[in-house]
Amino acid sequence: MTKEQKKQAREYEATFILDTRKWQEPIEALLDQIKSVIKEMGAEILEVKDLGLKPFARCPRKDFIEGQYVSIKCKGESDFNRILQERIGLNPNVNRVVVEAVRA
């Protein structure tokens, strides 16, 4: 596989679980932070869906029983998942992120 094939843009869907317990601003401000991280990585944002507040089947902590779910479809390079996990992991308001490659 050549470098060009490795760096070829792919479509991804990233689902975020946001921890907004200590967040005082509107959710849109937190989404703007996440979108700016994705754009800084050189990815193109295709669609953003706010999936709403959902209770957890298993609560990670007694004071954290539900989370704000957000889905972002974007187009990025093959290392998008790894880099996004590294950068988003630094944000204390993002509890989890799951990135899936979308097949065309």
N, C-alpha and C. Protein backbone atom coordinates (compact mmCIF):
# COMPACT_ATOMS: atom_id res chain seq x y z
N MET A 1 0.84 -1.18 0.00
CA MET A 1 0.00 0.00 0.00
C MET A 1 0.89 1.25 0.00
N THR A 2 0.63 2.17 -0.90
CA THR A 2 1.43 3.39 -1.00
C THR A 2 0.97 4.41 0.04
N LYS A 3 1.79 5.44 0.23
CA LYS A 3 1.44 6.50 1.17
C LYS A 3 0.16 7.22 0.75
N GLU A 4 -0.03 7.38 -0.56
CA GLU A 4 -1.23 8.05 -1.05
C GLU A 4 -2.48 7.26 -0.70
N GLN A 5 -2.41 5.94 -0.83
CA GLN A 5 -3.56 5.11 -0.49
C GLN A 5 -3.84 5.15 1.01
N LYS A 6 -2.79 5.19 1.84
CA LYS A 6 -2.98 5.26 3.28
C LYS A 6 -3.63 6.59 3.68
N LYS A 7 -3.23 7.67 3.05
CA LYS A 7 -3.72 9.00 3.41
C LYS A 7 -5.02 9.36 2.70
N GLN A 8 -5.60 8.44 1.97
CA GLN A 8 -6.83 8.70 1.24
C GLN A 8 -7.96 9.01 2.22
N ALA A 9 -8.77 10.00 1.90
CA ALA A 9 -9.86 10.41 2.78
C ALA A 9 -10.94 9.34 2.85
N ARG A 10 -11.41 9.11 4.07
CA ARG A 10 -12.49 8.16 4.32
C ARG A 10 -13.58 8.88 5.10
N GLU A 11 -14.76 8.31 5.06
CA GLU A 11 -15.88 8.89 5.79
C GLU A 11 -16.00 8.18 7.14
N TYR A 12 -16.18 8.98 8.20
CA TYR A 12 -16.28 8.46 9.56
C TYR A 12 -17.52 9.01 10.24
N GLU A 13 -18.01 8.25 11.21
CA GLU A 13 -19.07 8.75 12.09
C GLU A 13 -18.55 8.62 13.51
N ALA A 14 -18.43 9.75 14.19
CA ALA A 14 -17.95 9.78 15.56
C ALA A 14 -19.13 10.10 16.48
N THR A 15 -19.34 9.25 17.48
CA THR A 15 -20.39 9.47 18.45
C THR A 15 -19.74 9.85 19.77
N PHE A 16 -20.15 10.98 20.31
CA PHE A 16 -19.58 11.51 21.53
C PHE A 16 -20.60 11.42 22.66
N ILE A 17 -20.13 11.07 23.86
CA ILE A 17 -20.94 11.18 25.06
C ILE A 17 -20.32 12.31 25.86
N LEU A 18 -21.10 13.37 26.04
CA LEU A 18 -20.61 14.57 26.71
C LEU A 18 -21.00 14.56 28.18
N ASP A 19 -20.07 14.96 29.02
CA ASP A 19 -20.31 15.11 30.45
C ASP A 19 -20.50 16.60 30.71
N THR A 20 -21.75 17.02 30.79
CA THR A 20 -22.06 18.45 30.90
C THR A 20 -22.41 18.87 32.32
N ARG A 21 -22.09 18.05 33.31
CA ARG A 21 -22.44 18.38 34.70
C ARG A 21 -21.79 19.68 35.15
N LYS A 22 -20.56 19.94 34.77
CA LYS A 22 -19.86 21.16 35.19
C LYS A 22 -19.81 22.20 34.08
N TRP A 23 -20.47 21.94 32.98
CA TRP A 23 -20.48 22.86 31.83
C TRP A 23 -21.59 23.88 32.03
N GLN A 24 -21.25 25.16 32.06
CA GLN A 24 -22.20 26.23 32.34
C GLN A 24 -22.76 26.89 31.08
N GLU A 25 -22.08 26.73 29.97
CA GLU A 25 -22.48 27.38 28.72
C GLU A 25 -23.44 26.47 27.94
N PRO A 26 -24.06 26.99 26.88
CA PRO A 26 -24.92 26.14 26.05
C PRO A 26 -24.12 25.00 25.41
N ILE A 27 -24.80 23.91 25.12
CA ILE A 27 -24.17 22.73 24.50
C ILE A 27 -23.51 23.10 23.18
N GLU A 28 -24.08 24.06 22.46
CA GLU A 28 -23.53 24.47 21.16
C GLU A 28 -22.09 24.95 21.29
N ALA A 29 -21.75 25.58 22.41
CA ALA A 29 -20.37 26.06 22.61
C ALA A 29 -19.41 24.87 22.73
N LEU A 30 -19.84 23.82 23.41
CA LEU A 30 -19.01 22.61 23.53
C LEU A 30 -18.90 21.91 22.17
N LEU A 31 -19.99 21.88 21.42
CA LEU A 31 -19.96 21.30 20.07
C LEU A 31 -19.01 22.09 19.17
N ASP A 32 -19.01 23.40 19.30
CA ASP A 32 -18.10 24.23 18.51
C ASP A 32 -16.64 23.89 18.82
N GLN A 33 -16.33 23.62 20.11
CA GLN A 33 -14.97 23.21 20.48
C GLN A 33 -14.60 21.90 19.79
N ILE A 34 -15.51 20.94 19.83
CA ILE A 34 -15.25 19.63 19.22
C ILE A 34 -15.09 19.76 17.71
N LYS A 35 -15.98 20.54 17.09
CA LYS A 35 -15.89 20.74 15.64
C LYS A 35 -14.60 21.43 15.25
N SER A 36 -14.12 22.37 16.07
CA SER A 36 -12.87 23.05 15.74
C SER A 36 -11.68 22.09 15.82
N VAL A 37 -11.71 21.15 16.77
CA VAL A 37 -10.65 20.15 16.86
C VAL A 37 -10.65 19.29 15.59
N ILE A 38 -11.85 18.89 15.15
CA ILE A 38 -11.96 18.06 13.94
C ILE A 38 -11.46 18.82 12.72
N LYS A 39 -11.81 20.11 12.62
CA LYS A 39 -11.36 20.92 11.48
C LYS A 39 -9.85 21.14 11.52
N GLU A 40 -9.28 21.32 12.72
CA GLU A 40 -7.83 21.49 12.85
C GLU A 40 -7.07 20.26 12.35
N MET A 41 -7.72 19.10 12.44
CA MET A 41 -7.11 17.86 11.97
C MET A 41 -7.16 17.75 10.44
N GLY A 42 -7.81 18.69 9.80
CA GLY A 42 -7.92 18.67 8.34
C GLY A 42 -9.11 17.88 7.83
N ALA A 43 -10.02 17.52 8.72
CA ALA A 43 -11.20 16.76 8.32
C ALA A 43 -12.33 17.71 7.92
N GLU A 44 -13.20 17.21 7.08
CA GLU A 44 -14.36 17.99 6.62
C GLU A 44 -15.60 17.45 7.35
N ILE A 45 -16.33 18.35 8.02
CA ILE A 45 -17.54 17.95 8.74
C ILE A 45 -18.70 17.91 7.76
N LEU A 46 -19.37 16.76 7.72
CA LEU A 46 -20.48 16.56 6.78
C LEU A 46 -21.83 16.75 7.44
N GLU A 47 -21.97 16.31 8.70
CA GLU A 47 -23.27 16.36 9.37
C GLU A 47 -23.07 16.29 10.88
N VAL A 48 -23.87 17.06 11.61
CA VAL A 48 -23.85 17.03 13.08
C VAL A 48 -25.27 16.77 13.56
N LYS A 49 -25.42 15.75 14.41
CA LYS A 49 -26.73 15.42 14.98
C LYS A 49 -26.64 15.42 16.49
N ASP A 50 -27.53 16.19 17.12
CA ASP A 50 -27.65 16.15 18.58
C ASP A 50 -28.65 15.05 18.89
N LEU A 51 -28.19 13.97 19.50
CA LEU A 51 -29.04 12.82 19.78
C LEU A 51 -29.75 12.92 21.13
N GLY A 52 -29.47 13.98 21.86
CA GLY A 52 -30.18 14.25 23.11
C GLY A 52 -29.53 13.63 24.33
N LEU A 53 -30.19 13.85 25.45
CA LEU A 53 -29.74 13.36 26.74
C LEU A 53 -30.30 11.95 26.93
N LYS A 54 -29.40 10.99 27.20
CA LYS A 54 -29.84 9.59 27.34
C LYS A 54 -29.28 9.01 28.63
N PRO A 55 -30.11 8.21 29.33
CA PRO A 55 -29.61 7.56 30.55
C PRO A 55 -28.69 6.39 30.18
N PHE A 56 -27.74 6.10 31.06
CA PHE A 56 -26.82 5.00 30.85
C PHE A 56 -27.45 3.69 31.33
N ALA A 57 -27.17 2.61 30.63
CA ALA A 57 -27.61 1.29 31.07
C ALA A 57 -26.84 0.90 32.34
N ARG A 58 -25.56 1.22 32.37
CA ARG A 58 -24.72 1.03 33.56
C ARG A 58 -24.09 2.38 33.87
N CYS A 59 -24.28 2.84 35.05
CA CYS A 59 -23.76 4.16 35.44
C CYS A 59 -22.29 4.05 35.86
N PRO A 60 -21.42 4.84 35.23
CA PRO A 60 -20.01 4.81 35.60
C PRO A 60 -19.77 5.37 37.00
N ARG A 61 -20.59 6.34 37.39
CA ARG A 61 -20.50 6.95 38.72
C ARG A 61 -21.93 7.28 39.17
N LYS A 62 -22.14 7.29 40.47
CA LYS A 62 -23.49 7.56 41.00
C LYS A 62 -23.99 8.94 40.63
N ASP A 63 -23.09 9.90 40.49
CA ASP A 63 -23.50 11.26 40.15
C ASP A 63 -23.52 11.52 38.64
N PHE A 64 -23.25 10.49 37.84
CA PHE A 64 -23.21 10.63 36.38
C PHE A 64 -24.07 9.52 35.78
N ILE A 65 -25.39 9.77 35.70
CA ILE A 65 -26.34 8.72 35.30
C ILE A 65 -26.85 8.88 33.87
N GLU A 66 -26.56 10.03 33.23
CA GLU A 66 -26.98 10.26 31.85
C GLU A 66 -25.98 11.17 31.16
N GLY A 67 -25.96 11.08 29.84
CA GLY A 67 -25.02 11.89 29.08
C GLY A 67 -25.66 12.44 27.82
N GLN A 68 -25.11 13.54 27.34
CA GLN A 68 -25.56 14.17 26.10
C GLN A 68 -24.84 13.47 24.95
N TYR A 69 -25.59 12.88 24.03
CA TYR A 69 -25.03 12.16 22.90
C TYR A 69 -25.05 13.05 21.65
N VAL A 70 -23.94 13.03 20.92
CA VAL A 70 -23.81 13.80 19.69
C VAL A 70 -23.11 12.95 18.65
N SER A 71 -23.61 12.97 17.43
CA SER A 71 -23.01 12.22 16.33
C SER A 71 -22.50 13.22 15.28
N ILE A 72 -21.27 13.03 14.85
CA ILE A 72 -20.67 13.89 13.83
C ILE A 72 -20.14 13.02 12.70
N LYS A 73 -20.66 13.24 11.49
CA LYS A 73 -20.13 12.56 10.31
C LYS A 73 -19.10 13.49 9.68
N CYS A 74 -17.97 12.92 9.30
CA CYS A 74 -16.93 13.74 8.70
C CYS A 74 -16.08 12.90 7.76
N LYS A 75 -15.26 13.58 7.01
CA LYS A 75 -14.35 12.92 6.06
C LYS A 75 -12.94 13.30 6.47
N GLY A 76 -12.12 12.28 6.72
CA GLY A 76 -10.75 12.53 7.16
C GLY A 76 -9.81 11.45 6.67
N GLU A 77 -8.54 11.61 7.00
CA GLU A 77 -7.51 10.67 6.57
C GLU A 77 -7.58 9.39 7.40
N SER A 78 -6.80 8.41 7.00
CA SER A 78 -6.87 7.09 7.62
C SER A 78 -6.49 7.08 9.10
N ASP A 79 -5.70 8.04 9.55
CA ASP A 79 -5.31 8.10 10.96
C ASP A 79 -6.24 9.00 11.79
N PHE A 80 -7.39 9.34 11.23
CA PHE A 80 -8.35 10.23 11.89
C PHE A 80 -8.75 9.71 13.27
N ASN A 81 -9.09 8.44 13.37
CA ASN A 81 -9.56 7.86 14.62
C ASN A 81 -8.53 8.02 15.74
N ARG A 82 -7.30 7.64 15.47
CA ARG A 82 -6.25 7.70 16.48
C ARG A 82 -5.99 9.13 16.95
N ILE A 83 -5.89 10.05 16.01
CA ILE A 83 -5.60 11.44 16.36
C ILE A 83 -6.78 12.07 17.11
N LEU A 84 -8.01 11.78 16.68
CA LEU A 84 -9.18 12.33 17.37
C LEU A 84 -9.23 11.83 18.81
N GLN A 85 -8.99 10.54 19.02
CA GLN A 85 -9.00 9.98 20.38
C GLN A 85 -7.97 10.68 21.26
N GLU A 86 -6.79 10.96 20.72
CA GLU A 86 -5.74 11.64 21.48
C GLU A 86 -6.14 13.07 21.85
N ARG A 87 -6.66 13.80 20.89
CA ARG A 87 -6.99 15.21 21.12
C ARG A 87 -8.25 15.39 21.97
N ILE A 88 -9.27 14.61 21.70
CA ILE A 88 -10.52 14.73 22.44
C ILE A 88 -10.35 14.21 23.87
N GLY A 89 -9.43 13.26 24.06
CA GLY A 89 -9.18 12.74 25.40
C GLY A 89 -8.71 13.81 26.38
N LEU A 90 -8.23 14.91 25.87
CA LEU A 90 -7.77 16.01 26.72
C LEU A 90 -8.93 16.89 27.21
N ASN A 91 -10.10 16.74 26.63
CA ASN A 91 -11.25 17.56 27.00
C ASN A 91 -12.03 16.87 28.12
N PRO A 92 -12.09 17.49 29.32
CA PRO A 92 -12.77 16.85 30.45
C PRO A 92 -14.29 16.75 30.28
N ASN A 93 -14.85 17.45 29.31
CA ASN A 93 -16.29 17.43 29.09
C ASN A 93 -16.72 16.36 28.10
N VAL A 94 -15.77 15.62 27.55
CA VAL A 94 -16.08 14.49 26.67
C VAL A 94 -15.79 13.22 27.45
N ASN A 95 -16.86 12.46 27.75
CA ASN A 95 -16.71 11.24 28.52
C ASN A 95 -16.22 10.09 27.65
N ARG A 96 -16.80 9.94 26.47
CA ARG A 96 -16.43 8.85 25.56
C ARG A 96 -16.57 9.32 24.12
N VAL A 97 -15.81 8.66 23.25
CA VAL A 97 -15.98 8.87 21.82
C VAL A 97 -15.77 7.53 21.12
N VAL A 98 -16.67 7.22 20.21
CA VAL A 98 -16.57 6.00 19.40
C VAL A 98 -16.54 6.45 17.94
N VAL A 99 -15.52 6.01 17.21
CA VAL A 99 -15.38 6.39 15.81
C VAL A 99 -15.53 5.14 14.95
N GLU A 100 -16.40 5.23 13.96
CA GLU A 100 -16.63 4.12 13.04
C GLU A 100 -16.37 4.61 11.62
N ALA A 101 -15.75 3.78 10.82
CA ALA A 101 -15.59 4.07 9.39
C ALA A 101 -16.90 3.73 8.71
N VAL A 102 -17.39 4.64 7.87
CA VAL A 102 -18.64 4.44 7.14
C VAL A 102 -18.31 3.86 5.78
N ARG A 103 -18.91 2.77 5.47
CA ARG A 103 -18.67 2.15 4.16
C ARG A 103 -19.60 2.76 3.13
N ALA A 104 -19.04 3.04 1.97
CA ALA A 104 -19.82 3.68 0.91
C ALA A 104 -20.74 2.72 0.20
